[in-house]
Amino acid sequence: MNQVSLDDFSKIDIRTGTIKEVIPFPNARKPSWQLLIDFGPEIGMKRSSAQLTTLYAAEDLLEKQVLAVINFPPRQIANFFSEVLVLGLEQEHGSGVVLLQPERGVKNGLRVS
């Protein structure tokens, strides 16, 4: 296991956001959703591609609060630019990704510390 310094970890900006839009993403290599996530007035709305189709239907994701890394460079996936990385736990044997979420509702844009 590689160790990372606290200074390195503090450079990763992980924030809370609420999913406002979920669109199928048929051009992705792996089944995915295109998400529009509200990170509050300071950060605004950001887009993400997320491989969550195994465990989450579109209607299950709407208004769900998530944690995401907001300071990675945008990544092009097919014809879509993913601006943030939604965090989740990948289960064994391809049985899906479980979202990481705050254990209670909090303000959008709060930073993980």
Protein backbone atom coordinates (compact mmCIF):
# COMPACT_ATOMS: atom_id res chain seq x y z
CA MET A 1 0.00 0.00 0.00
CA ASN A 2 1.35 3.42 -0.97
CA GLN A 3 1.30 6.02 1.74
CA VAL A 4 0.24 9.57 1.04
CA SER A 5 1.06 12.59 3.14
CA LEU A 6 -1.60 14.66 4.87
CA ASP A 7 -0.48 17.59 2.70
CA ASP A 8 -1.17 15.52 -0.44
CA PHE A 9 -4.59 14.47 0.84
CA SER A 10 -5.52 18.05 1.70
CA LYS A 11 -5.08 18.99 -1.99
CA ILE A 12 -8.06 16.78 -2.89
CA ASP A 13 -11.22 18.88 -2.72
CA ILE A 14 -14.15 16.57 -1.82
CA ARG A 15 -17.52 18.31 -1.54
CA THR A 16 -21.17 17.50 -0.97
CA GLY A 17 -23.61 17.92 -3.82
CA THR A 18 -27.17 16.99 -4.76
CA ILE A 19 -27.98 15.20 -8.01
CA LYS A 20 -30.44 17.31 -10.02
CA GLU A 21 -30.50 15.49 -13.37
CA VAL A 22 -29.84 11.93 -14.51
CA ILE A 23 -29.53 11.07 -18.21
CA PRO A 24 -28.70 7.70 -19.83
CA PHE A 25 -25.20 7.60 -21.37
CA PRO A 26 -25.30 5.04 -24.20
CA ASN A 27 -21.94 6.22 -25.66
CA ALA A 28 -19.97 5.17 -22.57
CA ARG A 29 -18.01 1.90 -22.78
CA LYS A 30 -19.44 0.72 -19.46
CA PRO A 31 -23.09 1.36 -18.51
CA SER A 32 -23.24 4.82 -16.96
CA TRP A 33 -25.40 7.79 -16.12
CA GLN A 34 -24.68 11.43 -16.94
CA LEU A 35 -25.31 13.42 -13.78
CA LEU A 36 -25.83 17.12 -13.15
CA ILE A 37 -24.89 17.88 -9.54
CA ASP A 38 -25.55 21.04 -7.52
CA PHE A 39 -22.60 21.96 -5.28
CA GLY A 40 -24.16 25.17 -3.96
CA PRO A 41 -23.71 28.83 -4.92
CA GLU A 42 -19.91 28.98 -4.52
CA ILE A 43 -19.18 26.06 -6.90
CA GLY A 44 -22.39 25.75 -8.90
CA MET A 45 -23.58 22.91 -11.11
CA LYS A 46 -21.10 20.32 -12.36
CA ARG A 47 -21.45 17.28 -14.63
CA SER A 48 -20.21 13.76 -14.02
CA SER A 49 -20.34 10.38 -15.69
CA ALA A 50 -20.94 7.66 -13.11
CA GLN A 51 -21.06 3.88 -13.44
CA LEU A 52 -24.02 3.45 -11.11
CA THR A 53 -26.56 1.71 -13.36
CA THR A 54 -26.29 -1.70 -11.65
CA LEU A 55 -27.66 -0.52 -8.29
CA TYR A 56 -29.37 2.80 -9.05
CA ALA A 57 -32.24 3.64 -11.40
CA ALA A 58 -32.38 7.24 -12.63
CA GLU A 59 -35.32 8.08 -10.36
CA ASP A 60 -33.42 6.69 -7.33
CA LEU A 61 -30.55 9.12 -7.93
CA LEU A 62 -32.56 12.33 -8.27
CA GLU A 63 -32.15 14.59 -5.22
CA LYS A 64 -29.66 12.15 -3.66
CA GLN A 65 -26.75 13.81 -1.88
CA VAL A 66 -23.29 12.55 -2.86
CA LEU A 67 -19.61 13.18 -2.23
CA ALA A 68 -17.41 14.11 -5.19
CA VAL A 69 -13.88 15.27 -5.96
CA ILE A 70 -14.30 18.65 -7.64
CA ASN A 71 -10.70 19.62 -8.42
CA PHE A 72 -9.57 16.91 -10.84
CA PRO A 73 -9.19 18.12 -14.42
CA PRO A 74 -12.21 17.41 -16.66
CA ARG A 75 -12.10 13.99 -18.29
CA GLN A 76 -13.55 13.26 -21.71
CA ILE A 77 -15.65 10.11 -21.83
CA ALA A 78 -16.94 9.51 -25.35
CA ASN A 79 -18.72 12.75 -26.33
CA PHE A 80 -19.09 14.01 -22.72
CA PHE A 81 -16.79 15.95 -20.37
CA SER A 82 -16.98 14.73 -16.77
CA GLU A 83 -16.07 17.63 -14.45
CA VAL A 84 -16.18 15.88 -11.06
CA LEU A 85 -15.57 12.37 -9.73
CA VAL A 86 -18.51 11.00 -7.74
CA LEU A 87 -17.19 8.73 -4.97
CA GLY A 88 -18.42 5.21 -4.38
CA LEU A 89 -17.38 1.77 -3.24
CA GLU A 90 -16.92 -0.83 -5.95
CA GLN A 91 -18.26 -4.18 -4.80
CA GLU A 92 -16.66 -7.50 -5.70
CA HIS A 93 -17.44 -9.41 -8.90
CA GLY A 94 -18.99 -6.50 -10.75
CA SER A 95 -22.04 -6.32 -8.50
CA GLY A 96 -22.15 -2.52 -8.63
CA VAL A 97 -20.90 0.67 -7.05
CA VAL A 98 -22.42 1.93 -3.80
CA LEU A 99 -22.42 5.72 -3.45
CA LEU A 100 -20.61 7.44 -0.60
CA GLN A 101 -23.04 9.85 1.04
CA PRO A 102 -23.28 12.03 4.14
CA GLU A 103 -25.16 10.12 6.85
CA ARG A 104 -27.62 13.02 7.09
CA GLY A 105 -28.60 15.90 4.85
CA VAL A 106 -26.10 18.75 4.81
CA LYS A 107 -25.58 21.95 2.86
CA ASN A 108 -24.33 21.51 -0.71
CA GLY A 109 -20.70 22.49 -1.19
CA LEU A 110 -19.42 21.49 2.24
CA ARG A 111 -15.82 20.28 2.11
CA VAL A 112 -14.75 16.94 3.56
CA SER A 113 -12.18 17.63 6.26
